[in-house]
Amino acid sequence: MIESTYGVSIHEPRESRESRFTTTVHTIVGRGGRCLIPVFALGRAQELLLILDEYWELHPELREIPIYYASALAKKCMSVYQTYTHAMNERIQRQISISNPFQFKHISNLK
C-alpha cells in the first residue's frame, strides 16, 4: 500500500520550487510585509524551516527580520528531527558533521 496524493501530478524541479518560494518570501519581507505559511506540523514545516534558515544564512540583509513558527506539535516534532538526523539524506548527513541543521540560527518557536 502506498500514499499517492500527488501521484498523477507533474511537478517542477525542487530547486525551482525552492527558488520561487524563497524569492517570494524575500520580496514580501523586503517591502515590509509579513508571511504566514500554513503547513502541516510534521514534515513540511521542518522542510520549509530548514530552507528558510539556510536562505537567511546566505542573505545577511535578512537576518534582522525574525522567523517564528507557532505550533506546539511542530516543536515536539522538531526534537524528533534533531535526534534522528542519522536517518536523513546525504545532504543533511554532510551538514551534521558541521552542526545539526535542525538547530536553527534564524528561527524561533513562539511559546
PDB file of N, CA and C in Angstrom:
ATOM      1  N   MET A   1       0.846  -1.163   0.000  1.00  0.00           N
ATOM      2  CA  MET A   1       0.000   0.000   0.000  1.00  0.00           C
ATOM      3  C   MET A   1       0.899   1.236   0.000  1.00  0.00           C
ATOM      4  N   ILE A   2       0.556   2.218  -0.801  1.00  0.00           N
ATOM      5  CA  ILE A   2       1.320   3.461  -0.854  1.00  0.00           C
ATOM      6  C   ILE A   2       0.377   4.653  -0.843  1.00  0.00           C
ATOM      7  N   GLU A   3       0.916   5.777  -0.460  1.00  0.00           N
ATOM      8  CA  GLU A   3       0.173   7.033  -0.480  1.00  0.00           C
ATOM      9  C   GLU A   3       0.479   7.714  -1.806  1.00  0.00           C
ATOM     10  N   SER A   4      -0.541   8.213  -2.487  1.00  0.00           N
ATOM     11  CA  SER A   4      -0.297   8.797  -3.807  1.00  0.00           C
ATOM     12  C   SER A   4      -1.116  10.054  -4.058  1.00  0.00           C
ATOM     13  N   THR A   5      -1.181  10.919  -3.073  1.00  0.00           N
ATOM     14  CA  THR A   5      -1.963  12.144  -3.214  1.00  0.00           C
ATOM     15  C   THR A   5      -1.588  12.908  -4.480  1.00  0.00           C
ATOM     16  N   TYR A   6      -0.289  13.016  -4.741  1.00  0.00           N
ATOM     17  CA  TYR A   6       0.171  13.776  -5.903  1.00  0.00           C
ATOM     18  C   TYR A   6       0.777  12.859  -6.962  1.00  0.00           C
ATOM     19  N   GLY A   7       0.389  11.604  -6.958  1.00  0.00           N
ATOM     20  CA  GLY A   7       0.976  10.614  -7.855  1.00  0.00           C
ATOM     21  C   GLY A   7       0.748  10.880  -9.331  1.00  0.00           C
ATOM     22  N   VAL A   8      -0.295  11.590  -9.681  1.00  0.00           N
ATOM     23  CA  VAL A   8      -0.580  11.851 -11.088  1.00  0.00           C
ATOM     24  C   VAL A   8      -0.155  13.254 -11.512  1.00  0.00           C
ATOM     25  N   SER A   9       0.466  13.980 -10.600  1.00  0.00           N
ATOM     26  CA  SER A   9       0.878  15.351 -10.902  1.00  0.00           C
ATOM     27  C   SER A   9       2.321  15.387 -11.384  1.00  0.00           C
ATOM     28  N   ILE A  10       2.592  16.298 -12.285  1.00  0.00           N
ATOM     29  CA  ILE A  10       3.967  16.542 -12.716  1.00  0.00           C
ATOM     30  C   ILE A  10       4.414  17.823 -12.031  1.00  0.00           C
ATOM     31  N   HIS A  11       5.512  17.728 -11.295  1.00  0.00           N
ATOM     32  CA  HIS A  11       5.995  18.863 -10.516  1.00  0.00           C
ATOM     33  C   HIS A  11       7.230  19.480 -11.158  1.00  0.00           C
ATOM     34  N   GLU A  12       7.373  20.777 -10.977  1.00  0.00           N
ATOM     35  CA  GLU A  12       8.596  21.425 -11.424  1.00  0.00           C
ATOM     36  C   GLU A  12       9.738  20.947 -10.530  1.00  0.00           C
ATOM     37  N   PRO A  13      10.971  21.052 -10.989  1.00  0.00           N
ATOM     38  CA  PRO A  13      12.110  20.586 -10.189  1.00  0.00           C
ATOM     39  C   PRO A  13      12.158  21.258  -8.817  1.00  0.00           C
ATOM     40  N   ARG A  14      12.656  20.518  -7.840  1.00  0.00           N
ATOM     41  CA  ARG A  14      12.712  21.005  -6.461  1.00  0.00           C
ATOM     42  C   ARG A  14      13.451  22.337  -6.359  1.00  0.00           C
ATOM     43  N   GLU A  15      14.573  22.463  -7.050  1.00  0.00           N
ATOM     44  CA  GLU A  15      15.355  23.703  -6.985  1.00  0.00           C
ATOM     45  C   GLU A  15      14.532  24.892  -7.448  1.00  0.00           C
ATOM     46  N   SER A  16      13.733  24.692  -8.482  1.00  0.00           N
ATOM     47  CA  SER A  16      12.877  25.774  -8.989  1.00  0.00           C
ATOM     48  C   SER A  16      11.814  26.154  -7.972  1.00  0.00           C
ATOM     49  N   ARG A  17      11.202  25.151  -7.352  1.00  0.00           N
ATOM     50  CA  ARG A  17      10.173  25.429  -6.335  1.00  0.00           C
ATOM     51  C   ARG A  17      10.770  26.158  -5.144  1.00  0.00           C
ATOM     52  N   GLU A  18      11.954  25.693  -4.682  1.00  0.00           N
ATOM     53  CA  GLU A  18      12.602  26.352  -3.546  1.00  0.00           C
ATOM     54  C   GLU A  18      12.966  27.789  -3.884  1.00  0.00           C
ATOM     55  N   SER A  19      13.487  27.997  -5.083  1.00  0.00           N
ATOM     56  CA  SER A  19      13.872  29.341  -5.500  1.00  0.00           C
ATOM     57  C   SER A  19      12.657  30.263  -5.570  1.00  0.00           C
ATOM     58  N   ARG A  20      11.574  29.762  -6.126  1.00  0.00           N
ATOM     59  CA  ARG A  20      10.347  30.567  -6.218  1.00  0.00           C
ATOM     60  C   ARG A  20       9.824  30.900  -4.821  1.00  0.00           C
ATOM     61  N   PHE A  21       9.861  29.919  -3.921  1.00  0.00           N
ATOM     62  CA  PHE A  21       9.410  30.121  -2.542  1.00  0.00           C
ATOM     63  C   PHE A  21      10.257  31.172  -1.832  1.00  0.00           C
ATOM     64  N   THR A  22      11.580  31.011  -1.857  1.00  0.00           N
ATOM     65  CA  THR A  22      12.455  31.942  -1.135  1.00  0.00           C
ATOM     66  C   THR A  22      12.430  33.332  -1.758  1.00  0.00           C
ATOM     67  N   THR A  23      12.328  33.408  -3.070  1.00  0.00           N
ATOM     68  CA  THR A  23      12.243  34.711  -3.733  1.00  0.00           C
ATOM     69  C   THR A  23      10.953  35.426  -3.337  1.00  0.00           C
ATOM     70  N   THR A  24       9.859  34.692  -3.275  1.00  0.00           N
ATOM     71  CA  THR A  24       8.583  35.281  -2.870  1.00  0.00           C
ATOM     72  C   THR A  24       8.650  35.802  -1.441  1.00  0.00           C
ATOM     73  N   VAL A  25       9.178  34.977  -0.524  1.00  0.00           N
ATOM     74  CA  VAL A  25       9.308  35.403   0.873  1.00  0.00           C
ATOM     75  C   VAL A  25      10.217  36.622   0.969  1.00  0.00           C
ATOM     76  N   HIS A  26      11.345  36.597   0.272  1.00  0.00           N
ATOM     77  CA  HIS A  26      12.299  37.711   0.298  1.00  0.00           C
ATOM     78  C   HIS A  26      11.634  39.001  -0.188  1.00  0.00           C
ATOM     79  N   THR A  27      10.894  38.909  -1.264  1.00  0.00           N
ATOM     80  CA  THR A  27      10.205  40.083  -1.809  1.00  0.00           C
ATOM     81  C   THR A  27       9.202  40.648  -0.808  1.00  0.00           C
ATOM     82  N   ILE A  28       8.436  39.775  -0.187  1.00  0.00           N
ATOM     83  CA  ILE A  28       7.406  40.222   0.768  1.00  0.00           C
ATOM     84  C   ILE A  28       8.034  40.899   1.974  1.00  0.00           C
ATOM     85  N   VAL A  29       9.009  40.239   2.609  1.00  0.00           N
ATOM     86  CA  VAL A  29       9.610  40.831   3.812  1.00  0.00           C
ATOM     87  C   VAL A  29      10.487  42.026   3.456  1.00  0.00           C
ATOM     88  N   GLY A  30      11.031  42.035   2.250  1.00  0.00           N
ATOM     89  CA  GLY A  30      11.848  43.157   1.810  1.00  0.00           C
ATOM     90  C   GLY A  30      11.066  44.449   1.681  1.00  0.00           C
ATOM     91  N   ARG A  31       9.780  44.335   1.414  1.00  0.00           N
ATOM     92  CA  ARG A  31       8.951  45.542   1.313  1.00  0.00           C
ATOM     93  C   ARG A  31       8.165  45.800   2.598  1.00  0.00           C
ATOM     94  N   GLY A  32       8.580  45.104   3.679  1.00  0.00           N
ATOM     95  CA  GLY A  32       7.970  45.346   4.981  1.00  0.00           C
ATOM     96  C   GLY A  32       6.772  44.476   5.303  1.00  0.00           C
ATOM     97  N   GLY A  33       6.486  43.514   4.448  1.00  0.00           N
ATOM     98  CA  GLY A  33       5.339  42.641   4.682  1.00  0.00           C
ATOM     99  C   GLY A  33       5.666  41.486   5.609  1.00  0.00           C
ATOM    100  N   ARG A  34       4.653  40.703   5.882  1.00  0.00           N
ATOM    101  CA  ARG A  34       4.794  39.518   6.732  1.00  0.00           C
ATOM    102  C   ARG A  34       4.248  38.312   5.981  1.00  0.00           C
ATOM    103  N   CYS A  35       4.876  37.180   6.194  1.00  0.00           N
ATOM    104  CA  CYS A  35       4.431  35.935   5.560  1.00  0.00           C
ATOM    105  C   CYS A  35       3.839  35.017   6.611  1.00  0.00           C
ATOM    106  N   LEU A  36       2.696  34.495   6.338  1.00  0.00           N
ATOM    107  CA  LEU A  36       2.085  33.470   7.167  1.00  0.00           C
ATOM    108  C   LEU A  36       1.955  32.246   6.272  1.00  0.00           C
ATOM    109  N   ILE A  37       2.635  31.170   6.652  1.00  0.00           N
ATOM    110  CA  ILE A  37       2.686  29.988   5.801  1.00  0.00           C
ATOM    111  C   ILE A  37       2.051  28.815   6.549  1.00  0.00           C
ATOM    112  N   PRO A  38       0.794  28.503   6.261  1.00  0.00           N
ATOM    113  CA  PRO A  38       0.148  27.377   6.943  1.00  0.00           C
ATOM    114  C   PRO A  38       0.601  26.046   6.343  1.00  0.00           C
ATOM    115  N   VAL A  39       1.196  25.200   7.177  1.00  0.00           N
ATOM    116  CA  VAL A  39       1.670  23.884   6.731  1.00  0.00           C
ATOM    117  C   VAL A  39       1.411  22.856   7.824  1.00  0.00           C
ATOM    118  N   PHE A  40       1.476  21.584   7.463  1.00  0.00           N
ATOM    119  CA  PHE A  40       1.358  20.517   8.444  1.00  0.00           C
ATOM    120  C   PHE A  40       2.532  20.582   9.400  1.00  0.00           C
ATOM    121  N   ALA A  41       2.295  20.227  10.661  1.00  0.00           N
ATOM    122  CA  ALA A  41       3.327  20.318  11.701  1.00  0.00           C
ATOM    123  C   ALA A  41       4.444  19.308  11.504  1.00  0.00           C
ATOM    124  N   LEU A  42       4.165  18.209  10.862  1.00  0.00           N
ATOM    125  CA  LEU A  42       5.177  17.167  10.709  1.00  0.00           C
ATOM    126  C   LEU A  42       5.595  17.049   9.252  1.00  0.00           C
ATOM    127  N   GLY A  43       6.852  17.221   8.998  1.00  0.00           N
ATOM    128  CA  GLY A  43       7.386  17.030   7.654  1.00  0.00           C
ATOM    129  C   GLY A  43       7.551  18.325   6.897  1.00  0.00           C
ATOM    130  N   ARG A  44       6.466  18.845   6.379  1.00  0.00           N
ATOM    131  CA  ARG A  44       6.542  20.046   5.546  1.00  0.00           C
ATOM    132  C   ARG A  44       7.047  21.244   6.337  1.00  0.00           C
ATOM    133  N   ALA A  45       6.600  21.388   7.571  1.00  0.00           N
ATOM    134  CA  ALA A  45       7.048  22.522   8.393  1.00  0.00           C
ATOM    135  C   ALA A  45       8.559  22.494   8.572  1.00  0.00           C
ATOM    136  N   GLN A  46       9.111  21.335   8.924  1.00  0.00           N
ATOM    137  CA  GLN A  46      10.551  21.243   9.145  1.00  0.00           C
ATOM    138  C   GLN A  46      11.330  21.495   7.857  1.00  0.00           C
ATOM    139  N   GLU A  47      10.809  21.006   6.758  1.00  0.00           N
ATOM    140  CA  GLU A  47      11.461  21.215   5.473  1.00  0.00           C
ATOM    141  C   GLU A  47      11.506  22.702   5.110  1.00  0.00           C
ATOM    142  N   LEU A  48      10.394  23.392   5.261  1.00  0.00           N
ATOM    143  CA  LEU A  48      10.357  24.818   4.935  1.00  0.00           C
ATOM    144  C   LEU A  48      11.190  25.642   5.909  1.00  0.00           C
ATOM    145  N   LEU A  49      11.187  25.264   7.184  1.00  0.00           N
ATOM    146  CA  LEU A  49      12.025  25.972   8.159  1.00  0.00           C
ATOM    147  C   LEU A  49      13.500  25.805   7.824  1.00  0.00           C
ATOM    148  N   LEU A  50      13.885  24.614   7.416  1.00  0.00           N
ATOM    149  CA  LEU A  50      15.273  24.367   7.023  1.00  0.00           C
ATOM    150  C   LEU A  50      15.648  25.212   5.804  1.00  0.00           C
ATOM    151  N   ILE A  51      14.767  25.267   4.825  1.00  0.00           N
ATOM    152  CA  ILE A  51      15.009  26.082   3.624  1.00  0.00           C
ATOM    153  C   ILE A  51      15.151  27.554   4.000  1.00  0.00           C
ATOM    154  N   LEU A  52      14.253  28.056   4.843  1.00  0.00           N
ATOM    155  CA  LEU A  52      14.316  29.466   5.245  1.00  0.00           C
ATOM    156  C   LEU A  52      15.558  29.770   6.073  1.00  0.00           C
ATOM    157  N   ASP A  53      15.918  28.879   6.983  1.00  0.00           N
ATOM    158  CA  ASP A  53      17.105  29.106   7.809  1.00  0.00           C
ATOM    159  C   ASP A  53      18.362  29.168   6.943  1.00  0.00           C
ATOM    160  N   GLU A  54      18.470  28.270   5.982  1.00  0.00           N
ATOM    161  CA  GLU A  54      19.619  28.288   5.058  1.00  0.00           C
ATOM    162  C   GLU A  54      19.616  29.567   4.223  1.00  0.00           C
ATOM    163  N   TYR A  55      18.448  29.988   3.766  1.00  0.00           N
ATOM    164  CA  TYR A  55      18.345  31.197   2.945  1.00  0.00           C
ATOM    165  C   TYR A  55      18.741  32.430   3.749  1.00  0.00           C
ATOM    166  N   TRP A  56      18.266  32.528   4.988  1.00  0.00           N
ATOM    167  CA  TRP A  56      18.618  33.661   5.855  1.00  0.00           C
ATOM    168  C   TRP A  56      20.125  33.681   6.102  1.00  0.00           C
ATOM    169  N   GLU A  57      20.732  32.514   6.243  1.00  0.00           N
ATOM    170  CA  GLU A  57      22.180  32.433   6.459  1.00  0.00           C
ATOM    171  C   GLU A  57      22.941  32.990   5.257  1.00  0.00           C
ATOM    172  N   LEU A  58      22.427  32.756   4.062  1.00  0.00           N
ATOM    173  CA  LEU A  58      23.082  33.224   2.836  1.00  0.00           C
ATOM    174  C   LEU A  58      22.786  34.686   2.508  1.00  0.00           C
ATOM    175  N   HIS A  59      21.814  35.288   3.190  1.00  0.00           N
ATOM    176  CA  HIS A  59      21.406  36.666   2.902  1.00  0.00           C
ATOM    177  C   HIS A  59      21.448  37.503   4.178  1.00  0.00           C
ATOM    178  N   PRO A  60      22.612  38.034   4.511  1.00  0.00           N
ATOM    179  CA  PRO A  60      22.771  38.797   5.760  1.00  0.00           C
ATOM    180  C   PRO A  60      21.792  39.957   5.914  1.00  0.00           C
ATOM    181  N   GLU A  61      21.333  40.517   4.820  1.00  0.00           N
ATOM    182  CA  GLU A  61      20.401  41.645   4.902  1.00  0.00           C
ATOM    183  C   GLU A  61      19.053  41.234   5.503  1.00  0.00           C
ATOM    184  N   LEU A  62      18.783  39.942   5.559  1.00  0.00           N
ATOM    185  CA  LEU A  62      17.517  39.460   6.116  1.00  0.00           C
ATOM    186  C   LEU A  62      17.606  39.085   7.592  1.00  0.00           C
ATOM    187  N   ARG A  63      18.782  39.009   8.131  1.00  0.00           N
ATOM    188  CA  ARG A  63      18.971  38.459   9.479  1.00  0.00           C
ATOM    189  C   ARG A  63      18.296  39.254  10.583  1.00  0.00           C
ATOM    190  N   GLU A  64      17.993  40.509  10.341  1.00  0.00           N
ATOM    191  CA  GLU A  64      17.282  41.311  11.343  1.00  0.00           C
ATOM    192  C   GLU A  64      15.775  41.039  11.318  1.00  0.00           C
ATOM    193  N   ILE A  65      15.323  40.338  10.302  1.00  0.00           N
ATOM    194  CA  ILE A  65      13.902  40.013  10.176  1.00  0.00           C
ATOM    195  C   ILE A  65      13.680  38.651  10.828  1.00  0.00           C
ATOM    196  N   PRO A  66      12.871  38.599  11.884  1.00  0.00           N
ATOM    197  CA  PRO A  66      12.700  37.332  12.608  1.00  0.00           C
ATOM    198  C   PRO A  66      11.807  36.338  11.862  1.00  0.00           C
ATOM    199  N   ILE A  67      12.090  35.070  12.085  1.00  0.00           N
ATOM    200  CA  ILE A  67      11.240  33.990  11.593  1.00  0.00           C
ATOM    201  C   ILE A  67      10.764  33.223  12.820  1.00  0.00           C
ATOM    202  N   TYR A  68       9.464  33.006  12.904  1.00  0.00           N
ATOM    203  CA  TYR A  68       8.883  32.259  14.017  1.00  0.00           C
ATOM    204  C   TYR A  68       8.041  31.115  13.474  1.00  0.00           C
ATOM    205  N   TYR A  69       7.986  30.037  14.226  1.00  0.00           N
ATOM    206  CA  TYR A  69       6.973  29.028  13.950  1.00  0.00           C
ATOM    207  C   TYR A  69       6.118  28.880  15.196  1.00  0.00           C
ATOM    208  N   ALA A  70       4.832  28.722  14.985  1.00  0.00           N
ATOM    209  CA  ALA A  70       3.876  28.746  16.094  1.00  0.00           C
ATOM    210  C   ALA A  70       3.065  27.458  16.115  1.00  0.00           C
ATOM    211  N   SER A  71       3.681  26.406  16.627  1.00  0.00           N
ATOM    212  CA  SER A  71       2.979  25.129  16.702  1.00  0.00           C
ATOM    213  C   SER A  71       3.614  24.265  17.779  1.00  0.00           C
ATOM    214  N   ALA A  72       2.835  23.917  18.781  1.00  0.00           N
ATOM    215  CA  ALA A  72       3.345  23.037  19.836  1.00  0.00           C
ATOM    216  C   ALA A  72       3.703  21.671  19.256  1.00  0.00           C
ATOM    217  N   LEU A  73       2.899  21.193  18.303  1.00  0.00           N
ATOM    218  CA  LEU A  73       3.188  19.904  17.688  1.00  0.00           C
ATOM    219  C   LEU A  73       4.462  19.974  16.854  1.00  0.00           C
ATOM    220  N   ALA A  74       4.648  21.054  16.101  1.00  0.00           N
ATOM    221  CA  ALA A  74       5.875  21.207  15.313  1.00  0.00           C
ATOM    222  C   ALA A  74       7.095  21.245  16.220  1.00  0.00           C
ATOM    223  N   LYS A  75       6.955  21.865  17.379  1.00  0.00           N
ATOM    224  CA  LYS A  75       8.066  21.912  18.335  1.00  0.00           C
ATOM    225  C   LYS A  75       8.415  20.508  18.814  1.00  0.00           C
ATOM    226  N   LYS A  76       7.400  19.703  19.117  1.00  0.00           N
ATOM    227  CA  LYS A  76       7.652  18.318  19.534  1.00  0.00           C
ATOM    228  C   LYS A  76       8.282  17.518  18.398  1.00  0.00           C
ATOM    229  N   CYS A  77       7.778  17.722  17.195  1.00  0.00           N
ATOM    230  CA  CYS A  77       8.328  17.023  16.033  1.00  0.00           C
ATOM    231  C   CYS A  77       9.774  17.428  15.782  1.00  0.00           C
ATOM    232  N   MET A  78      10.087  18.687  16.045  1.00  0.00           N
ATOM    233  CA  MET A  78      11.444  19.180  15.821  1.00  0.00           C
ATOM    234  C   MET A  78      12.453  18.392  16.652  1.00  0.00           C
ATOM    235  N   SER A  79      12.096  18.015  17.864  1.00  0.00           N
ATOM    236  CA  SER A  79      13.031  17.249  18.691  1.00  0.00           C
ATOM    237  C   SER A  79      13.289  15.875  18.079  1.00  0.00           C
ATOM    238  N   VAL A  80      12.298  15.305  17.409  1.00  0.00           N
ATOM    239  CA  VAL A  80      12.499  14.030  16.714  1.00  0.00           C
ATOM    240  C   VAL A  80      13.464  14.233  15.550  1.00  0.00           C
ATOM    241  N   TYR A  81      13.264  15.285  14.775  1.00  0.00           N
ATOM    242  CA  TYR A  81      14.164  15.578  13.658  1.00  0.00           C
ATOM    243  C   TYR A  81      15.590  15.804  14.153  1.00  0.00           C
ATOM    244  N   GLN A  82      15.743  16.513  15.253  1.00  0.00           N
ATOM    245  CA  GLN A  82      17.072  16.792  15.795  1.00  0.00           C
ATOM    246  C   GLN A  82      17.746  15.523  16.297  1.00  0.00           C
ATOM    247  N   THR A  83      16.974  14.558  16.733  1.00  0.00           N
ATOM    248  CA  THR A  83      17.518  13.314  17.277  1.00  0.00           C
ATOM    249  C   THR A  83      17.891  12.315  16.190  1.00  0.00           C
ATOM    250  N   TYR A  84      17.088  12.212  15.145  1.00  0.00           N
ATOM    251  CA  TYR A  84      17.269  11.151  14.157  1.00  0.00           C
ATOM    252  C   TYR A  84      17.858  11.639  12.831  1.00  0.00           C
ATOM    253  N   THR A  85      18.786  12.541  12.898  1.00  0.00           N
ATOM    254  CA  THR A  85      19.408  13.052  11.671  1.00  0.00           C
ATOM    255  C   THR A  85      20.190  11.966  10.935  1.00  0.00           C
ATOM    256  N   HIS A  86      20.612  10.923  11.645  1.00  0.00           N
ATOM    257  CA  HIS A  86      21.355   9.832  11.001  1.00  0.00           C
ATOM    258  C   HIS A  86      20.507   9.088   9.961  1.00  0.00           C
ATOM    259  N   ALA A  87      19.201   9.243  10.002  1.00  0.00           N
ATOM    260  CA  ALA A  87      18.310   8.557   9.072  1.00  0.00           C
ATOM    261  C   ALA A  87      17.939   9.430   7.872  1.00  0.00           C
ATOM    262  N   MET A  88      18.589  10.575   7.719  1.00  0.00           N
ATOM    263  CA  MET A  88      18.222  11.525   6.666  1.00  0.00           C
ATOM    264  C   MET A  88      19.155  11.431   5.465  1.00  0.00           C
ATOM    265  N   ASN A  89      18.870  12.209   4.439  1.00  0.00           N
ATOM    266  CA  ASN A  89      19.609  12.122   3.179  1.00  0.00           C
ATOM    267  C   ASN A  89      21.062  12.585   3.313  1.00  0.00           C
ATOM    268  N   GLU A  90      21.831  12.368   2.235  1.00  0.00           N
ATOM    269  CA  GLU A  90      23.268  12.677   2.248  1.00  0.00           C
ATOM    270  C   GLU A  90      23.554  14.146   2.520  1.00  0.00           C
ATOM    271  N   ARG A  91      22.750  15.018   1.968  1.00  0.00           N
ATOM    272  CA  ARG A  91      22.970  16.457   2.171  1.00  0.00           C
ATOM    273  C   ARG A  91      22.894  16.810   3.655  1.00  0.00           C
ATOM    274  N   ILE A  92      21.890  16.292   4.331  1.00  0.00           N
ATOM    275  CA  ILE A  92      21.745  16.540   5.767  1.00  0.00           C
ATOM    276  C   ILE A  92      22.900  15.883   6.518  1.00  0.00           C
ATOM    277  N   GLN A  93      23.284  14.681   6.099  1.00  0.00           N
ATOM    278  CA  GLN A  93      24.402  13.986   6.751  1.00  0.00           C
ATOM    279  C   GLN A  93      25.684  14.819   6.675  1.00  0.00           C
ATOM    280  N   ARG A  94      25.946  15.430   5.527  1.00  0.00           N
ATOM    281  CA  ARG A  94      27.144  16.280   5.383  1.00  0.00           C
ATOM    282  C   ARG A  94      27.059  17.486   6.306  1.00  0.00           C
ATOM    283  N   GLN A  95      25.895  18.069   6.411  1.00  0.00           N
ATOM    284  CA  GLN A  95      25.721  19.242   7.269  1.00  0.00           C
ATOM    285  C   GLN A  95      25.913  18.892   8.741  1.00  0.00           C
ATOM    286  N   ILE A  96      25.528  17.684   9.117  1.00  0.00           N
ATOM    287  CA  ILE A  96      25.622  17.271  10.514  1.00  0.00           C
ATOM    288  C   ILE A  96      27.063  17.278  10.993  1.00  0.00           C
ATOM    289  N   SER A  97      27.996  16.984  10.093  1.00  0.00           N
ATOM    290  CA  SER A  97      29.403  16.992  10.505  1.00  0.00           C
ATOM    291  C   SER A  97      29.848  18.388  10.944  1.00  0.00           C
ATOM    292  N   ILE A  98      29.134  19.415  10.514  1.00  0.00           N
ATOM    293  CA  ILE A  98      29.431  20.796  10.913  1.00  0.00           C
ATOM    294  C   ILE A  98      28.563  21.185  12.107  1.00  0.00           C
ATOM    295  N   SER A  99      27.261  21.017  11.969  1.00  0.00           N
ATOM    296  CA  SER A  99      26.314  21.287  13.054  1.00  0.00           C
ATOM    297  C   SER A  99      24.960  20.695  12.676  1.00  0.00           C
ATOM    298  N   ASN A 100      24.109  20.498  13.655  1.00  0.00           N
ATOM    299  CA  ASN A 100      22.786  19.941  13.407  1.00  0.00           C
ATOM    300  C   ASN A 100      21.941  20.977  12.661  1.00  0.00           C
ATOM    301  N   PRO A 101      21.540  20.676  11.421  1.00  0.00           N
ATOM    302  CA  PRO A 101      20.794  21.661  10.631  1.00  0.00           C
ATOM    303  C   PRO A 101      19.417  21.993  11.195  1.00  0.00           C
ATOM    304  N   PHE A 102      18.908  21.174  12.112  1.00  0.00           N
ATOM    305  CA  PHE A 102      17.602  21.446  12.700  1.00  0.00           C
ATOM    306  C   PHE A 102      17.701  22.224  14.007  1.00  0.00           C
ATOM    307  N   GLN A 103      18.889  22.682  14.331  1.00  0.00           N
ATOM    308  CA  GLN A 103      19.051  23.642  15.424  1.00  0.00           C
ATOM    309  C   GLN A 103      19.258  24.989  14.739  1.00  0.00           C
ATOM    310  N   PHE A 104      18.155  25.627  14.443  1.00  0.00           N
ATOM    311  CA  PHE A 104      18.141  26.801  13.582  1.00  0.00           C
ATOM    312  C   PHE A 104      18.819  28.008  14.210  1.00  0.00           C
ATOM    313  N   LYS A 105      19.503  28.766  13.359  1.00  0.00           N
ATOM    314  CA  LYS A 105      20.158  30.003  13.795  1.00  0.00           C
ATOM    315  C   LYS A 105      19.217  31.202  13.693  1.00  0.00           C
ATOM    316  N   HIS A 106      18.301  31.151  12.747  1.00  0.00           N
ATOM    317  CA  HIS A 106      17.495  32.329  12.419  1.00  0.00           C
ATOM    318  C   HIS A 106      15.997  32.135  12.659  1.00  0.00           C
ATOM    319  N   ILE A 107      15.634  31.054  13.338  1.00  0.00           N
ATOM    320  CA  ILE A 107      14.221  30.737  13.536  1.00  0.00           C
ATOM    321  C   ILE A 107      13.959  30.452  15.006  1.00  0.00           C
ATOM    322  N   SER A 108      12.853  30.991  15.504  1.00  0.00           N
ATOM    323  CA  SER A 108      12.472  30.788  16.905  1.00  0.00           C
ATOM    324  C   SER A 108      11.057  30.238  16.985  1.00  0.00           C
ATOM    325  N   ASN A 109      10.806  29.487  18.033  1.00  0.00           N
ATOM    326  CA  ASN A 109       9.463  28.985  18.293  1.00  0.00           C
ATOM    327  C   ASN A 109       8.718  29.997  19.154  1.00  0.00           C
ATOM    328  N   LEU A 110       7.493  30.315  18.775  1.00  0.00           N
ATOM    329  CA  LEU A 110       6.651  31.155  19.630  1.00  0.00           C
ATOM    330  C   LEU A 110       6.146  30.288  20.771  1.00  0.00           C
ATOM    331  N   LYS A 111       6.255  30.791  21.960  1.00  0.00           N
ATOM    332  CA  LYS A 111       5.852  29.984  23.117  1.00  0.00           C
ATOM    333  C   LYS A 111       4.471  30.328  23.565  1.00  0.00           C
TER     334      LYS A 111
END
